[in-house]
PDB file of N, CA and C in Angstrom:
ATOM      1  N   MET A   1      -8.828 -10.361   2.727  1.00  0.00           N
ATOM      2  CA  MET A   1      -8.756 -11.807   2.721  1.00  0.00           C
ATOM      3  C   MET A   1      -8.688 -12.269   1.267  1.00  0.00           C
ATOM      4  N   GLN A   2      -7.691 -13.052   0.958  1.00  0.00           N
ATOM      5  CA  GLN A   2      -7.534 -13.602  -0.371  1.00  0.00           C
ATOM      6  C   GLN A   2      -8.303 -14.926  -0.463  1.00  0.00           C
ATOM      7  N   ILE A   3      -8.901 -15.188  -1.611  1.00  0.00           N
ATOM      8  CA  ILE A   3      -9.625 -16.436  -1.810  1.00  0.00           C
ATOM      9  C   ILE A   3      -8.840 -17.292  -2.792  1.00  0.00           C
ATOM     10  N   ASN A   4      -8.517 -18.491  -2.364  1.00  0.00           N
ATOM     11  CA  ASN A   4      -7.796 -19.441  -3.193  1.00  0.00           C
ATOM     12  C   ASN A   4      -8.787 -20.508  -3.625  1.00  0.00           C
ATOM     13  N   THR A   5      -8.793 -20.857  -4.893  1.00  0.00           N
ATOM     14  CA  THR A   5      -9.738 -21.863  -5.371  1.00  0.00           C
ATOM     15  C   THR A   5      -9.541 -23.207  -4.687  1.00  0.00           C
ATOM     16  N   LYS A   6      -8.373 -23.435  -4.115  1.00  0.00           N
ATOM     17  CA  LYS A   6      -8.140 -24.678  -3.374  1.00  0.00           C
ATOM     18  C   LYS A   6      -8.867 -24.675  -2.033  1.00  0.00           C
ATOM     19  N   ASP A   7      -9.336 -23.499  -1.616  1.00  0.00           N
ATOM     20  CA  ASP A   7     -10.053 -23.374  -0.349  1.00  0.00           C
ATOM     21  C   ASP A   7     -11.564 -23.465  -0.534  1.00  0.00           C
ATOM     22  N   LEU A   8     -12.012 -23.833  -1.729  1.00  0.00           N
ATOM     23  CA  LEU A   8     -13.440 -23.972  -2.019  1.00  0.00           C
ATOM     24  C   LEU A   8     -13.844 -25.431  -1.851  1.00  0.00           C
ATOM     25  N   ILE A   9     -14.921 -25.650  -1.127  1.00  0.00           N
ATOM     26  CA  ILE A   9     -15.414 -27.004  -0.884  1.00  0.00           C
ATOM     27  C   ILE A   9     -16.910 -27.016  -1.139  1.00  0.00           C
ATOM     28  N   SER A  10     -17.396 -28.037  -1.825  1.00  0.00           N
ATOM     29  CA  SER A  10     -18.831 -28.125  -2.088  1.00  0.00           C
ATOM     30  C   SER A  10     -19.584 -28.427  -0.796  1.00  0.00           C
ATOM     31  N   LEU A  11     -20.825 -28.022  -0.758  1.00  0.00           N
ATOM     32  CA  LEU A  11     -21.660 -28.280   0.413  1.00  0.00           C
ATOM     33  C   LEU A  11     -21.786 -29.785   0.658  1.00  0.00           C
ATOM     34  N   THR A  12     -21.927 -30.561  -0.396  1.00  0.00           N
ATOM     35  CA  THR A  12     -22.027 -32.012  -0.268  1.00  0.00           C
ATOM     36  C   THR A  12     -20.770 -32.582   0.387  1.00  0.00           C
ATOM     37  N   GLU A  13     -19.608 -32.146  -0.099  1.00  0.00           N
ATOM     38  CA  GLU A  13     -18.355 -32.641   0.466  1.00  0.00           C
ATOM     39  C   GLU A  13     -18.200 -32.193   1.925  1.00  0.00           C
ATOM     40  N   ALA A  14     -18.604 -30.957   2.221  1.00  0.00           N
ATOM     41  CA  ALA A  14     -18.517 -30.464   3.600  1.00  0.00           C
ATOM     42  C   ALA A  14     -19.410 -31.278   4.524  1.00  0.00           C
ATOM     43  N   ASN A  15     -20.594 -31.646   4.054  1.00  0.00           N
ATOM     44  CA  ASN A  15     -21.503 -32.472   4.854  1.00  0.00           C
ATOM     45  C   ASN A  15     -20.931 -33.866   5.082  1.00  0.00           C
ATOM     46  N   GLN A  16     -20.280 -34.411   4.085  1.00  0.00           N
ATOM     47  CA  GLN A  16     -19.768 -35.773   4.175  1.00  0.00           C
ATOM     48  C   GLN A  16     -18.413 -35.856   4.872  1.00  0.00           C
ATOM     49  N   ASN A  17     -17.665 -34.749   4.878  1.00  0.00           N
ATOM     50  CA  ASN A  17     -16.303 -34.803   5.400  1.00  0.00           C
ATOM     51  C   ASN A  17     -15.957 -33.496   6.108  1.00  0.00           C
ATOM     52  N   PHE A  18     -16.635 -33.239   7.228  1.00  0.00           N
ATOM     53  CA  PHE A  18     -16.390 -31.984   7.937  1.00  0.00           C
ATOM     54  C   PHE A  18     -14.974 -31.910   8.485  1.00  0.00           C
ATOM     55  N   SER A  19     -14.367 -33.050   8.761  1.00  0.00           N
ATOM     56  CA  SER A  19     -12.991 -33.010   9.257  1.00  0.00           C
ATOM     57  C   SER A  19     -12.059 -32.390   8.210  1.00  0.00           C
ATOM     58  N   LYS A  20     -12.350 -32.568   6.917  1.00  0.00           N
ATOM     59  CA  LYS A  20     -11.562 -31.942   5.856  1.00  0.00           C
ATOM     60  C   LYS A  20     -11.744 -30.424   5.907  1.00  0.00           C
ATOM     61  N   VAL A  21     -12.980 -29.985   6.162  1.00  0.00           N
ATOM     62  CA  VAL A  21     -13.253 -28.558   6.281  1.00  0.00           C
ATOM     63  C   VAL A  21     -12.447 -27.978   7.445  1.00  0.00           C
ATOM     64  N   ALA A  22     -12.521 -28.632   8.604  1.00  0.00           N
ATOM     65  CA  ALA A  22     -11.814 -28.154   9.790  1.00  0.00           C
ATOM     66  C   ALA A  22     -10.303 -28.138   9.549  1.00  0.00           C
ATOM     67  N   LYS A  23      -9.778 -29.165   8.903  1.00  0.00           N
ATOM     68  CA  LYS A  23      -8.340 -29.234   8.620  1.00  0.00           C
ATOM     69  C   LYS A  23      -7.924 -28.094   7.691  1.00  0.00           C
ATOM     70  N   THR A  24      -8.733 -27.816   6.682  1.00  0.00           N
ATOM     71  CA  THR A  24      -8.433 -26.729   5.750  1.00  0.00           C
ATOM     72  C   THR A  24      -8.444 -25.387   6.477  1.00  0.00           C
ATOM     73  N   VAL A  25      -9.424 -25.186   7.349  1.00  0.00           N
ATOM     74  CA  VAL A  25      -9.478 -23.945   8.130  1.00  0.00           C
ATOM     75  C   VAL A  25      -8.253 -23.840   9.032  1.00  0.00           C
ATOM     76  N   ASP A  26      -7.861 -24.944   9.665  1.00  0.00           N
ATOM     77  CA  ASP A  26      -6.668 -24.941  10.514  1.00  0.00           C
ATOM     78  C   ASP A  26      -5.421 -24.569   9.721  1.00  0.00           C
ATOM     79  N   GLU A  27      -5.320 -25.066   8.493  1.00  0.00           N
ATOM     80  CA  GLU A  27      -4.135 -24.835   7.673  1.00  0.00           C
ATOM     81  C   GLU A  27      -4.144 -23.475   6.987  1.00  0.00           C
ATOM     82  N   LYS A  28      -5.302 -23.056   6.498  1.00  0.00           N
ATOM     83  CA  LYS A  28      -5.366 -21.865   5.650  1.00  0.00           C
ATOM     84  C   LYS A  28      -6.055 -20.671   6.293  1.00  0.00           C
ATOM     85  N   GLY A  29      -6.778 -20.893   7.380  1.00  0.00           N
ATOM     86  CA  GLY A  29      -7.450 -19.790   8.063  1.00  0.00           C
ATOM     87  C   GLY A  29      -8.913 -19.640   7.738  1.00  0.00           C
ATOM     88  N   SER A  30      -9.318 -20.159   6.563  1.00  0.00           N
ATOM     89  CA  SER A  30     -10.731 -20.070   6.194  1.00  0.00           C
ATOM     90  C   SER A  30     -11.026 -21.038   5.057  1.00  0.00           C
ATOM     91  N   VAL A  31     -12.296 -21.260   4.836  1.00  0.00           N
ATOM     92  CA  VAL A  31     -12.741 -22.080   3.715  1.00  0.00           C
ATOM     93  C   VAL A  31     -14.085 -21.526   3.256  1.00  0.00           C
ATOM     94  N   ILE A  32     -14.316 -21.583   1.967  1.00  0.00           N
ATOM     95  CA  ILE A  32     -15.596 -21.152   1.412  1.00  0.00           C
ATOM     96  C   ILE A  32     -16.336 -22.394   0.951  1.00  0.00           C
ATOM     97  N   ILE A  33     -17.580 -22.498   1.368  1.00  0.00           N
ATOM     98  CA  ILE A  33     -18.407 -23.636   0.980  1.00  0.00           C
ATOM     99  C   ILE A  33     -19.352 -23.185  -0.120  1.00  0.00           C
ATOM    100  N   LEU A  34     -19.325 -23.943  -1.198  1.00  0.00           N
ATOM    101  CA  LEU A  34     -20.155 -23.641  -2.364  1.00  0.00           C
ATOM    102  C   LEU A  34     -21.500 -24.348  -2.275  1.00  0.00           C
ATOM    103  N   LYS A  35     -22.551 -23.652  -2.627  1.00  0.00           N
ATOM    104  CA  LYS A  35     -23.878 -24.241  -2.758  1.00  0.00           C
ATOM    105  C   LYS A  35     -24.334 -23.933  -4.169  1.00  0.00           C
ATOM    106  N   ASN A  36     -24.657 -24.965  -4.919  1.00  0.00           N
ATOM    107  CA  ASN A  36     -25.013 -24.815  -6.335  1.00  0.00           C
ATOM    108  C   ASN A  36     -23.908 -24.088  -7.110  1.00  0.00           C
ATOM    109  N   ASN A  37     -22.662 -24.439  -6.790  1.00  0.00           N
ATOM    110  CA  ASN A  37     -21.468 -23.898  -7.449  1.00  0.00           C
ATOM    111  C   ASN A  37     -21.265 -22.400  -7.248  1.00  0.00           C
ATOM    112  N   ASN A  38     -21.885 -21.831  -6.223  1.00  0.00           N
ATOM    113  CA  ASN A  38     -21.703 -20.426  -5.898  1.00  0.00           C
ATOM    114  C   ASN A  38     -21.245 -20.305  -4.450  1.00  0.00           C
ATOM    115  N   PRO A  39     -20.355 -19.352  -4.158  1.00  0.00           N
ATOM    116  CA  PRO A  39     -19.937 -19.152  -2.767  1.00  0.00           C
ATOM    117  C   PRO A  39     -21.158 -18.844  -1.907  1.00  0.00           C
ATOM    118  N   HIS A  40     -21.340 -19.607  -0.843  1.00  0.00           N
ATOM    119  CA  HIS A  40     -22.546 -19.441  -0.034  1.00  0.00           C
ATOM    120  C   HIS A  40     -22.245 -19.297   1.451  1.00  0.00           C
ATOM    121  N   TYR A  41     -21.220 -19.989   1.924  1.00  0.00           N
ATOM    122  CA  TYR A  41     -20.850 -19.944   3.335  1.00  0.00           C
ATOM    123  C   TYR A  41     -19.347 -19.744   3.445  1.00  0.00           C
ATOM    124  N   ILE A  42     -18.942 -19.146   4.566  1.00  0.00           N
ATOM    125  CA  ILE A  42     -17.518 -19.040   4.857  1.00  0.00           C
ATOM    126  C   ILE A  42     -17.311 -19.507   6.292  1.00  0.00           C
ATOM    127  N   ILE A  43     -16.317 -20.333   6.466  1.00  0.00           N
ATOM    128  CA  ILE A  43     -15.917 -20.760   7.807  1.00  0.00           C
ATOM    129  C   ILE A  43     -14.522 -20.193   8.012  1.00  0.00           C
ATOM    130  N   ILE A  44     -14.358 -19.487   9.123  1.00  0.00           N
ATOM    131  CA  ILE A  44     -13.119 -18.773   9.364  1.00  0.00           C
ATOM    132  C   ILE A  44     -12.596 -19.120  10.758  1.00  0.00           C
ATOM    133  N   ASP A  45     -11.295 -19.245  10.866  1.00  0.00           N
ATOM    134  CA  ASP A  45     -10.644 -19.491  12.140  1.00  0.00           C
ATOM    135  C   ASP A  45     -10.954 -18.331  13.082  1.00  0.00           C
ATOM    136  N   PHE A  46     -11.235 -18.616  14.332  1.00  0.00           N
ATOM    137  CA  PHE A  46     -11.631 -17.572  15.267  1.00  0.00           C
ATOM    138  C   PHE A  46     -10.540 -16.519  15.446  1.00  0.00           C
ATOM    139  N   LYS A  47      -9.272 -16.936  15.446  1.00  0.00           N
ATOM    140  CA  LYS A  47      -8.181 -15.965  15.567  1.00  0.00           C
ATOM    141  C   LYS A  47      -8.183 -15.011  14.381  1.00  0.00           C
ATOM    142  N   LYS A  48      -8.421 -15.554  13.188  1.00  0.00           N
ATOM    143  CA  LYS A  48      -8.491 -14.711  11.995  1.00  0.00           C
ATOM    144  C   LYS A  48      -9.712 -13.794  12.069  1.00  0.00           C
ATOM    145  N   PHE A  49     -10.788 -14.309  12.596  1.00  0.00           N
ATOM    146  CA  PHE A  49     -12.010 -13.534  12.811  1.00  0.00           C
ATOM    147  C   PHE A  49     -11.699 -12.313  13.673  1.00  0.00           C
ATOM    148  N   GLU A  50     -10.961 -12.539  14.745  1.00  0.00           N
ATOM    149  CA  GLU A  50     -10.596 -11.437  15.636  1.00  0.00           C
ATOM    150  C   GLU A  50      -9.640 -10.457  14.949  1.00  0.00           C
ATOM    151  N   GLN A  51      -8.699 -10.985  14.153  1.00  0.00           N
ATOM    152  CA  GLN A  51      -7.740 -10.134  13.453  1.00  0.00           C
ATOM    153  C   GLN A  51      -8.417  -9.223  12.440  1.00  0.00           C
ATOM    154  N   LEU A  52      -9.514  -9.701  11.866  1.00  0.00           N
ATOM    155  CA  LEU A  52     -10.242  -8.898  10.887  1.00  0.00           C
ATOM    156  C   LEU A  52     -11.037  -7.778  11.556  1.00  0.00           C
ATOM    157  N   GLY A  53     -11.015  -7.757  12.873  1.00  0.00           N
ATOM    158  CA  GLY A  53     -11.718  -6.710  13.585  1.00  0.00           C
ATOM    159  C   GLY A  53     -13.207  -6.956  13.669  1.00  0.00           C
ATOM    160  N   LEU A  54     -13.595  -8.218  13.530  1.00  0.00           N
ATOM    161  CA  LEU A  54     -15.005  -8.556  13.623  1.00  0.00           C
ATOM    162  C   LEU A  54     -15.369  -8.747  15.078  1.00  0.00           C
ATOM    163  N   SER A  55     -16.565  -8.422  15.413  1.00  0.00           N
ATOM    164  CA  SER A  55     -17.024  -8.524  16.788  1.00  0.00           C
ATOM    165  C   SER A  55     -18.240  -9.416  16.860  1.00  0.00           C
ATOM    166  N   ALA A  56     -18.332 -10.195  17.928  1.00  0.00           N
ATOM    167  CA  ALA A  56     -19.502 -11.051  18.118  1.00  0.00           C
ATOM    168  C   ALA A  56     -20.765 -10.218  18.266  1.00  0.00           C
ATOM    169  N   ASN A  57     -20.613  -8.960  18.635  1.00  0.00           N
ATOM    170  CA  ASN A  57     -21.758  -8.078  18.803  1.00  0.00           C
ATOM    171  C   ASN A  57     -22.148  -7.361  17.514  1.00  0.00           C
ATOM    172  N   GLU A  58     -21.293  -7.430  16.521  1.00  0.00           N
ATOM    173  CA  GLU A  58     -21.557  -6.737  15.267  1.00  0.00           C
ATOM    174  C   GLU A  58     -22.671  -7.454  14.501  1.00  0.00           C
ATOM    175  N   ASP A  59     -23.509  -6.697  13.867  1.00  0.00           N
ATOM    176  CA  ASP A  59     -24.615  -7.219  13.085  1.00  0.00           C
ATOM    177  C   ASP A  59     -24.082  -8.075  11.936  1.00  0.00           C
ATOM    178  N   LEU A  60     -24.683  -9.241  11.772  1.00  0.00           N
ATOM    179  CA  LEU A  60     -24.235 -10.177  10.738  1.00  0.00           C
ATOM    180  C   LEU A  60     -24.266  -9.548   9.351  1.00  0.00           C
ATOM    181  N   GLU A  61     -25.270  -8.754   9.059  1.00  0.00           N
ATOM    182  CA  GLU A  61     -25.361  -8.124   7.739  1.00  0.00           C
ATOM    183  C   GLU A  61     -24.210  -7.148   7.506  1.00  0.00           C
ATOM    184  N   SER A  62     -23.801  -6.434   8.527  1.00  0.00           N
ATOM    185  CA  SER A  62     -22.689  -5.504   8.347  1.00  0.00           C
ATOM    186  C   SER A  62     -21.372  -6.264   8.154  1.00  0.00           C
ATOM    187  N   ILE A  63     -21.221  -7.407   8.849  1.00  0.00           N
ATOM    188  CA  ILE A  63     -20.035  -8.248   8.647  1.00  0.00           C
ATOM    189  C   ILE A  63     -20.018  -8.769   7.211  1.00  0.00           C
ATOM    190  N   ALA A  64     -21.145  -9.323   6.768  1.00  0.00           N
ATOM    191  CA  ALA A  64     -21.228  -9.873   5.408  1.00  0.00           C
ATOM    192  C   ALA A  64     -20.977  -8.778   4.373  1.00  0.00           C
ATOM    193  N   GLY A  65     -21.535  -7.602   4.604  1.00  0.00           N
ATOM    194  CA  GLY A  65     -21.326  -6.492   3.674  1.00  0.00           C
ATOM    195  C   GLY A  65     -19.874  -6.089   3.581  1.00  0.00           C
ATOM    196  N   ARG A  66     -19.200  -6.057   4.722  1.00  0.00           N
ATOM    197  CA  ARG A  66     -17.783  -5.695   4.736  1.00  0.00           C
ATOM    198  C   ARG A  66     -16.947  -6.753   4.031  1.00  0.00           C
ATOM    199  N   ILE A  67     -17.226  -8.035   4.294  1.00  0.00           N
ATOM    200  CA  ILE A  67     -16.479  -9.107   3.636  1.00  0.00           C
ATOM    201  C   ILE A  67     -16.718  -9.063   2.133  1.00  0.00           C
ATOM    202  N   LEU A  68     -17.965  -8.854   1.727  1.00  0.00           N
ATOM    203  CA  LEU A  68     -18.278  -8.773   0.300  1.00  0.00           C
ATOM    204  C   LEU A  68     -17.558  -7.592  -0.342  1.00  0.00           C
ATOM    205  N   LYS A  69     -17.596  -6.448   0.311  1.00  0.00           N
ATOM    206  CA  LYS A  69     -16.934  -5.255  -0.223  1.00  0.00           C
ATOM    207  C   LYS A  69     -15.427  -5.483  -0.361  1.00  0.00           C
ATOM    208  N   ASP A  70     -14.821  -6.074   0.664  1.00  0.00           N
ATOM    209  CA  ASP A  70     -13.384  -6.302   0.654  1.00  0.00           C
ATOM    210  C   ASP A  70     -12.959  -7.328  -0.393  1.00  0.00           C
ATOM    211  N   ASN A  71     -13.877  -8.225  -0.765  1.00  0.00           N
ATOM    212  CA  ASN A  71     -13.533  -9.322  -1.679  1.00  0.00           C
ATOM    213  C   ASN A  71     -14.383  -9.331  -2.941  1.00  0.00           C
ATOM    214  N   LEU A  72     -14.969  -8.191  -3.293  1.00  0.00           N
ATOM    215  CA  LEU A  72     -15.892  -8.129  -4.426  1.00  0.00           C
ATOM    216  C   LEU A  72     -15.262  -8.645  -5.719  1.00  0.00           C
ATOM    217  N   GLU A  73     -14.033  -8.274  -5.964  1.00  0.00           N
ATOM    218  CA  GLU A  73     -13.363  -8.718  -7.191  1.00  0.00           C
ATOM    219  C   GLU A  73     -13.254 -10.245  -7.242  1.00  0.00           C
ATOM    220  N   ALA A  74     -12.883 -10.858  -6.143  1.00  0.00           N
ATOM    221  CA  ALA A  74     -12.751 -12.325  -6.091  1.00  0.00           C
ATOM    222  C   ALA A  74     -14.100 -12.995  -6.253  1.00  0.00           C
ATOM    223  N   PHE A  75     -15.129 -12.478  -5.573  1.00  0.00           N
ATOM    224  CA  PHE A  75     -16.461 -13.075  -5.689  1.00  0.00           C
ATOM    225  C   PHE A  75     -17.009 -12.916  -7.111  1.00  0.00           C
ATOM    226  N   THR A  76     -16.731 -11.785  -7.734  1.00  0.00           N
ATOM    227  CA  THR A  76     -17.165 -11.579  -9.128  1.00  0.00           C
ATOM    228  C   THR A  76     -16.502 -12.593 -10.047  1.00  0.00           C
ATOM    229  N   GLU A  77     -15.212 -12.828  -9.826  1.00  0.00           N
ATOM    230  CA  GLU A  77     -14.484 -13.810 -10.639  1.00  0.00           C
ATOM    231  C   GLU A  77     -15.036 -15.216 -10.401  1.00  0.00           C
ATOM    232  N   LEU A  78     -15.340 -15.554  -9.156  1.00  0.00           N
ATOM    233  CA  LEU A  78     -15.881 -16.871  -8.849  1.00  0.00           C
ATOM    234  C   LEU A  78     -17.266 -17.084  -9.459  1.00  0.00           C
ATOM    235  N   ALA A  79     -18.014 -16.015  -9.600  1.00  0.00           N
ATOM    236  CA  ALA A  79     -19.379 -16.126 -10.120  1.00  0.00           C
ATOM    237  C   ALA A  79     -19.415 -16.373 -11.629  1.00  0.00           C
ATOM    238  N   ARG A  80     -18.293 -16.181 -12.313  1.00  0.00           N
ATOM    239  CA  ARG A  80     -18.261 -16.393 -13.775  1.00  0.00           C
ATOM    240  C   ARG A  80     -18.385 -17.834 -14.132  1.00  0.00           C
TER     241      ARG A  80
END
């Protein structure tokens, strides 16, 4: 999964304008919500969720670990 800086939304903005979050997910497949200027949440289209091979039965920590591993370079760049 590629992370585009245009797909980053602050937690405040997400709280005030969730329709923008939903529209971005509809258009791009996912959105990352920043908390204190750091990636904290990800909202992903369910179809994309299924394409990534994620399962509703899979442990959340293993999903997060896999996403982090797959996108470590992008998250490292965002953390700068």
